Structure formats: C-alpha cells, structure tokens
C-alpha cells in the first residue's frame, strides 16, 4: 500500500468541501457525515488497475492511502486536487461577500469549494441522473452504473464506468438494470458520442467560450437543460447561473421571503450583487443549515 501527502491551502475547509453537495453520497465516493475521511475510486489507466484512495484530513495535511501503488502517483494527486478544488483561488468570491454581513460566515468558514468528480464525464452522467427525480432514485441509478459496469480495485471497490463500457450496453440494459427510465436513451447516446470522440466533456474545463456560449454547448447534450447546465457550470468553476430547482426555490422562500413563494426574478435580484459569483453565493447561503 502506498501513501501520498498533500498540503491543503490555507483557505480550505475539509468538511465544508466534502459535504458541499450530494456527490459525496454517490459512488465511487464514500464518506461518513462529519468524519475527516472520504474514499474515491480512480478508474484503471494504462497498466494500472482501478485504485481506491482514502483521504484523511489532519492538521492542514491530506494523507492519502492507496489500495495499490500506481505507476504514476502524481495522477492520483492531481485527481484529488481536482476533486477538492485545492488550486481554486477563492479570494474573489470572499471579497464579493464582504459588503453583506449575512454572508460573512462563508469566508470565515473557508466554505465555497464544491466537491466534484475527477472527470467532467462522471459529473455529466451523474447530473443527468439528478434530473426530474428523487435523490433516492439518483443514488440507485449511480449505484447500479458503478456496481454493474465499474472496474474493481484490489480491495473490492468499484470505479465509475468509462464511456466505452457504457457504450457497449443496449437500451434494455439501461431501462432494466440501471432503472434509468427516459434517461436510458440519453445515457446510451452520450456514451457513444464520448467514446467516439464526437463530444469531449473534458474540454469544457478549459474552454475559452463565454459562459453563456458554453452553457449552449452543454445543452446540446440530450438530457441537459438549464438547471443541469448551470449545475455543471458550477463544477467547471463558472458561477454565473443560479441553477434554480424546486428545492433551492423552497429554501429561498423559507430563508428570505417568510415562507412565501416569489418569482425567480426576485431570487436573481437578491443575489445579483455577487456578480459572477452569485451561483456560488446562493448555494452556500441556502445550505448553511447543513453544517450547524
């Protein structure tokens, strides 16, 4: 077994990052709430089989224990830095919060980093699995995908499936085995498009397109509407959109509007003062109770 040590940045909070949203509850992540540890399973690469990495936070350091030794340990370190967004500069976001005392806690807690997968491919598939359904159904679909198609580590865990492995299935598999419903056709078409190189989700990370134009590109993927696209943009580091859904709206009504429904325009106006960071501001604001 091999270990890797990573120094976390000063403005970093392990708990607020790992539990920032529900990805920690979906395989190949494993995390017990309020613990200082999580595990992620990296897929095979080259001659390396799938590798599980257990990350423990201790005194500003991240200690990483691997199920087997990779030929290139740096790729695992890069993956963890990406997952936890360790290289993301939060100073602009924290500066935008200063004028409003109600949001001061975010900077004080070093919150705002959103957990993500090491690949945009995985984030994209998972996002499609969140649309128009309960969280329990999202979990079941992702658990089925990982359990039935993921490569196995030496310690018996499973990685997220590759586009190739997903493209080798048929529509019946997605309907009956994954229980993906209407998303079955979307997942199969996406897997074929990515496997054949017609769609390159990883390129979105470094795209020069303005956010509005990149959003249009994301929406060309079947199953990705406004809500899904704006959530994906947050995971790409673009926080212009609010990604409003029924849950987020309900939290706003309760937190800022005395429980009364209001228009999306009112919600947008409330957070507009945060400019290009407003999508991150609304998420931190309305999930604060998770950490109390």
Protein backbone atom coordinates (compact mmCIF):
# COMPACT_ATOMS: atom_id res chain seq x y z
CA UNK A 1 0.00 0.00 0.00
CA UNK A 2 1.28 3.46 -0.91
CA UNK A 3 0.66 6.81 0.80
CA UNK A 4 0.63 10.33 -0.63
CA UNK A 5 0.72 13.54 1.41
CA UNK A 6 -0.83 16.75 0.09
CA UNK A 7 -0.61 20.14 1.76
CA UNK A 8 -4.03 21.84 1.77
CA UNK A 9 -4.26 25.60 1.05
CA UNK A 10 -4.81 27.99 3.96
CA UNK A 11 -8.36 28.89 2.86
CA UNK A 12 -9.64 25.34 2.85
CA UNK A 13 -12.23 23.55 4.99
CA UNK A 14 -12.33 19.78 4.54
CA UNK A 15 -15.82 19.29 5.94
CA UNK A 16 -17.43 22.17 4.03
CA UNK A 17 -15.85 20.94 0.81
CA UNK A 18 -16.57 17.22 1.01
CA UNK A 19 -20.15 17.74 2.21
CA UNK A 20 -20.78 20.76 -0.01
CA UNK A 21 -23.39 18.84 -2.01
CA UNK A 22 -24.64 15.32 -2.57
CA UNK A 23 -21.79 13.95 -4.69
CA UNK A 24 -20.13 12.58 -1.54
CA UNK A 25 -23.16 10.28 -1.17
CA UNK A 26 -22.77 8.78 -4.66
CA UNK A 27 -20.27 6.04 -5.54
CA UNK A 28 -17.43 5.78 -6.19
CA UNK A 29 -17.28 8.30 -3.30
CA UNK A 30 -17.63 7.01 0.25
CA UNK A 31 -17.97 9.41 3.17
CA UNK A 32 -19.47 9.26 6.63
CA UNK A 33 -21.02 12.60 7.56
CA UNK A 34 -18.91 14.79 9.88
CA UNK A 35 -15.91 12.49 9.55
CA UNK A 36 -12.48 13.69 8.41
CA UNK A 37 -12.14 10.97 5.77
CA UNK A 38 -13.50 10.11 2.35
CA UNK A 39 -12.67 7.49 -0.25
CA UNK A 40 -12.76 7.77 -4.03
CA UNK A 41 -12.05 5.03 -6.58
CA UNK A 42 -9.98 6.02 -9.61
CA UNK A 43 -10.56 4.01 -12.81
CA UNK A 44 -7.82 1.96 -14.49
CA UNK A 45 -5.21 3.76 -16.53
CA UNK A 46 -2.55 2.14 -18.68
CA UNK A 47 -1.38 -0.98 -16.87
CA UNK A 48 -2.79 0.21 -13.54
CA UNK A 49 -5.98 -1.42 -12.32
CA UNK A 50 -8.62 0.66 -10.54
CA UNK A 51 -7.23 2.23 -7.35
CA UNK A 52 -9.11 3.36 -4.26
CA UNK A 53 -7.76 6.43 -2.47
CA UNK A 54 -8.76 7.12 1.13
CA UNK A 55 -8.14 10.77 2.03
CA UNK A 56 -7.82 11.82 5.68
CA UNK A 57 -7.58 15.44 6.80
CA UNK A 58 -5.19 16.12 9.69
CA UNK A 59 -3.68 19.48 10.72
CA UNK A 60 -3.78 21.08 7.31
CA UNK A 61 -2.48 18.00 5.54
CA UNK A 62 -4.32 15.46 3.42
CA UNK A 63 -3.00 11.96 3.94
CA UNK A 64 -3.91 9.64 1.07
CA UNK A 65 -3.81 5.85 1.43
CA UNK A 66 -3.97 3.88 -1.84
CA UNK A 67 -5.21 0.33 -2.35
CA UNK A 68 -2.31 -0.37 -4.71
CA UNK A 69 0.72 1.51 -5.97
CA UNK A 70 0.14 3.43 -9.24
CA UNK A 71 2.90 3.73 -11.79
CA UNK A 72 2.33 7.50 -11.74
CA UNK A 73 1.34 8.65 -8.22
CA UNK A 74 1.12 12.24 -9.47
CA UNK A 75 -2.02 11.43 -11.45
CA UNK A 76 -3.76 10.40 -8.23
CA UNK A 77 -2.58 13.59 -6.53
CA UNK A 78 -3.84 15.67 -9.48
CA UNK A 79 -7.16 13.87 -9.27
CA UNK A 80 -7.56 14.63 -5.57
CA UNK A 81 -6.55 18.25 -6.05
CA UNK A 82 -9.23 18.49 -8.74
CA UNK A 83 -11.90 16.74 -6.65
CA UNK A 84 -11.34 19.11 -3.70
CA UNK A 85 -10.55 22.15 -5.89
CA UNK A 86 -7.36 22.77 -3.92
CA UNK A 87 -5.93 25.04 -6.61
CA UNK A 88 -9.00 27.25 -6.93
CA UNK A 89 -8.48 30.84 -5.76
CA UNK A 90 -11.41 31.79 -3.52
CA UNK A 91 -10.30 35.39 -2.86
CA UNK A 92 -12.60 36.95 -5.49
CA UNK A 93 -15.60 35.12 -4.07
CA UNK A 94 -14.78 36.04 -0.48
CA UNK A 95 -14.23 39.68 -1.46
CA UNK A 96 -17.66 39.78 -3.12
CA UNK A 97 -19.25 38.65 0.17
CA UNK A 98 -17.71 41.35 2.38
CA UNK A 99 -20.34 44.09 1.89
CA UNK A 100 -23.13 41.86 3.31
CA UNK A 101 -22.68 40.72 6.91
CA UNK A 102 -25.21 37.90 6.43
CA UNK A 103 -22.70 36.14 4.19
CA UNK A 104 -19.60 36.75 6.31
CA UNK A 105 -19.70 33.21 7.73
CA UNK A 106 -18.82 31.75 4.31
CA UNK A 107 -15.39 33.38 4.20
CA UNK A 108 -14.87 32.84 7.94
CA UNK A 109 -15.52 29.11 7.49
CA UNK A 110 -13.43 28.90 4.30
CA UNK A 111 -16.50 27.44 2.58
CA UNK A 112 -17.41 27.60 -1.11
CA UNK A 113 -15.37 24.83 -2.72
CA UNK A 114 -17.79 22.41 -4.38
CA UNK A 115 -16.86 18.73 -4.44
CA UNK A 116 -16.61 17.30 -7.94
CA UNK A 117 -15.50 14.16 -9.72
CA UNK A 118 -12.02 13.92 -11.24
CA UNK A 119 -13.59 13.89 -14.73
CA UNK A 120 -16.27 16.04 -16.31
CA UNK A 121 -17.59 12.83 -17.88
CA UNK A 122 -18.55 11.48 -14.47
CA UNK A 123 -20.06 14.80 -13.36
CA UNK A 124 -22.09 14.95 -16.57
CA UNK A 125 -23.54 11.45 -16.22
CA UNK A 126 -24.34 12.00 -12.55
CA UNK A 127 -26.00 15.32 -13.30
CA UNK A 128 -28.28 13.70 -15.89
CA UNK A 129 -29.19 11.17 -13.19
CA UNK A 130 -30.38 14.01 -10.90
CA UNK A 131 -32.97 15.47 -13.25
CA UNK A 132 -36.71 15.11 -12.58
CA UNK A 133 -36.39 12.52 -9.85
CA UNK A 134 -35.86 11.96 -6.13
CA UNK A 135 -32.40 11.75 -4.60
CA UNK A 136 -33.04 8.10 -3.73
CA UNK A 137 -33.59 7.30 -7.41
CA UNK A 138 -30.44 9.23 -8.36
CA UNK A 139 -28.48 7.14 -5.85
CA UNK A 140 -29.96 3.91 -7.18
CA UNK A 141 -29.06 4.74 -10.80
CA UNK A 142 -25.49 5.71 -9.95
CA UNK A 143 -25.05 2.70 -7.65
CA UNK A 144 -26.25 0.44 -10.47
CA UNK A 145 -23.91 2.04 -13.01
CA UNK A 146 -20.89 1.67 -10.74
CA UNK A 147 -21.82 -1.76 -9.43
CA UNK A 148 -22.55 -3.32 -12.82
CA UNK A 149 -20.02 -1.56 -15.08
CA UNK A 150 -17.20 -0.26 -12.87
CA UNK A 151 -13.73 -1.83 -12.75
CA UNK A 152 -12.75 -3.44 -9.44
CA UNK A 153 -9.88 -2.45 -7.14
CA UNK A 154 -7.69 -4.82 -5.14
CA UNK A 155 -9.78 -4.01 -2.05
CA UNK A 156 -13.07 -4.85 -3.79
CA UNK A 157 -14.36 -1.36 -4.54
CA UNK A 158 -15.66 -0.26 -7.94
CA UNK A 159 -14.72 2.73 -10.13
CA UNK A 160 -17.09 4.86 -12.18
CA UNK A 161 -17.66 3.27 -15.60
CA UNK A 162 -15.90 4.55 -18.69
CA UNK A 163 -17.72 5.86 -21.75
CA UNK A 164 -16.54 2.76 -23.59
CA UNK A 165 -18.05 0.32 -21.10
CA UNK A 166 -21.33 2.28 -21.07
CA UNK A 167 -21.44 2.42 -24.88
CA UNK A 168 -21.18 -1.39 -25.10
CA UNK A 169 -24.61 -1.83 -23.48
CA UNK A 170 -28.03 -1.59 -25.10
CA UNK A 171 -31.12 0.42 -24.26
CA UNK A 172 -32.73 -2.51 -22.44
CA UNK A 173 -29.79 -2.66 -20.03
CA UNK A 174 -30.29 0.97 -19.03
CA UNK A 175 -34.01 0.55 -18.60
CA UNK A 176 -33.99 -2.76 -16.74
CA UNK A 177 -30.62 -2.92 -14.98
CA UNK A 178 -29.85 0.74 -14.30
CA UNK A 179 -33.51 1.76 -13.89
CA UNK A 180 -32.79 4.98 -15.77
CA UNK A 181 -36.26 5.35 -17.32
CA UNK A 182 -36.46 8.03 -20.01
CA UNK A 183 -32.77 8.84 -19.38
CA UNK A 184 -31.77 5.45 -20.82
CA UNK A 185 -31.59 6.73 -24.38
CA UNK A 186 -29.75 9.87 -23.26
CA UNK A 187 -27.09 7.91 -21.37
CA UNK A 188 -26.52 5.47 -24.21
CA UNK A 189 -26.29 8.22 -26.84
CA UNK A 190 -23.92 10.22 -24.64
CA UNK A 191 -21.67 7.20 -24.03
CA UNK A 192 -21.42 6.58 -27.79
CA UNK A 193 -20.71 10.26 -28.51
CA UNK A 194 -17.94 10.49 -25.90
CA UNK A 195 -16.43 7.11 -26.76
CA UNK A 196 -16.28 8.03 -30.45
CA UNK A 197 -14.86 11.50 -29.77
CA UNK A 198 -17.85 13.49 -31.01
CA UNK A 199 -18.33 15.03 -27.55
CA UNK A 200 -15.37 15.92 -25.32
CA UNK A 201 -16.62 16.90 -21.84
CA UNK A 202 -13.07 17.39 -20.50
CA UNK A 203 -12.51 20.23 -22.98
CA UNK A 204 -15.19 22.27 -21.22
CA UNK A 205 -12.86 22.75 -18.25
CA UNK A 206 -10.52 24.94 -20.26
CA UNK A 207 -12.92 26.38 -22.82
CA UNK A 208 -12.40 29.99 -23.92
CA UNK A 209 -16.11 30.40 -24.63
CA UNK A 210 -18.06 32.97 -22.59
CA UNK A 211 -20.24 31.27 -20.00
CA UNK A 212 -23.45 31.89 -21.95
CA UNK A 213 -21.98 30.22 -25.03
CA UNK A 214 -20.54 27.33 -23.06
CA UNK A 215 -23.96 26.79 -21.49
CA UNK A 216 -25.38 26.40 -25.01
CA UNK A 217 -22.73 23.76 -25.74
CA UNK A 218 -23.66 21.83 -22.61
CA UNK A 219 -27.34 21.96 -23.52
CA UNK A 220 -26.61 20.23 -26.83
CA UNK A 221 -26.27 17.04 -24.77
CA UNK A 222 -29.67 15.39 -24.57
CA UNK A 223 -30.94 15.41 -21.01
CA UNK A 224 -29.14 18.65 -20.10
CA UNK A 225 -31.49 21.62 -19.69
CA UNK A 226 -30.99 24.97 -17.97
CA UNK A 227 -30.87 23.55 -14.45
CA UNK A 228 -28.43 20.74 -15.31
CA UNK A 229 -26.23 23.03 -17.42
CA UNK A 230 -25.91 25.64 -14.67
CA UNK A 231 -25.05 22.96 -12.11
CA UNK A 232 -22.39 21.58 -14.44
CA UNK A 233 -21.03 25.07 -14.97
CA UNK A 234 -20.52 25.39 -11.20
CA UNK A 235 -18.46 22.20 -11.26
CA UNK A 236 -16.46 23.72 -14.11
CA UNK A 237 -15.73 26.78 -11.97
CA UNK A 238 -18.28 29.12 -13.56
CA UNK A 239 -20.74 30.52 -11.06
CA UNK A 240 -22.83 32.92 -13.15
CA UNK A 241 -26.04 30.86 -13.03
CA UNK A 242 -28.23 30.10 -10.02
CA UNK A 243 -29.29 26.59 -11.15
CA UNK A 244 -32.72 27.04 -9.58
CA UNK A 245 -34.82 23.97 -8.91
CA UNK A 246 -37.79 23.28 -6.65
CA UNK A 247 -35.57 22.54 -3.63
CA UNK A 248 -33.45 25.68 -3.96
CA UNK A 249 -36.53 27.84 -4.52
CA UNK A 250 -38.19 26.40 -1.41
CA UNK A 251 -35.08 27.16 0.67
CA UNK A 252 -35.08 30.75 -0.55
CA UNK A 253 -38.78 31.22 0.24
CA UNK A 254 -38.17 29.94 3.77
CA UNK A 255 -34.91 31.80 4.40
CA UNK A 256 -35.51 35.16 2.76
CA UNK A 257 -39.21 35.52 1.92
CA UNK A 258 -41.09 34.47 5.08
CA UNK A 259 -42.05 31.16 3.51
CA UNK A 260 -43.97 32.78 0.67
CA UNK A 261 -43.43 31.87 -2.96
CA UNK A 262 -41.95 34.52 -5.24
CA UNK A 263 -40.73 34.85 -8.81
CA UNK A 264 -37.34 33.65 -9.98
CA UNK A 265 -36.62 37.26 -10.92
CA UNK A 266 -36.80 38.24 -7.24
CA UNK A 267 -34.36 35.47 -6.34
CA UNK A 268 -32.00 36.53 -9.11
CA UNK A 269 -32.18 40.16 -7.96
CA UNK A 270 -31.38 39.17 -4.37
CA UNK A 271 -28.09 37.53 -5.41
CA UNK A 272 -27.21 39.83 -8.33
CA UNK A 273 -24.88 41.89 -6.10
CA UNK A 274 -22.47 38.97 -6.13
CA UNK A 275 -21.96 39.24 -9.90
CA UNK A 276 -20.23 36.27 -11.50
CA UNK A 277 -20.11 34.53 -8.09
CA UNK A 278 -23.87 34.61 -7.48
CA UNK A 279 -24.34 30.91 -8.24
CA UNK A 280 -21.86 30.03 -5.51
CA UNK A 281 -23.33 32.58 -3.10
CA UNK A 282 -26.86 31.17 -3.34
CA UNK A 283 -25.66 27.61 -2.81
CA UNK A 284 -23.59 28.43 0.28
CA UNK A 285 -26.34 30.66 1.65
CA UNK A 286 -29.13 28.11 1.36
CA UNK A 287 -27.14 25.08 2.54
CA UNK A 288 -25.72 26.76 5.68
CA UNK A 289 -28.01 24.72 7.95
CA UNK A 290 -26.28 21.52 6.77
CA UNK A 291 -23.24 22.46 8.83
CA UNK A 292 -24.86 23.57 12.07
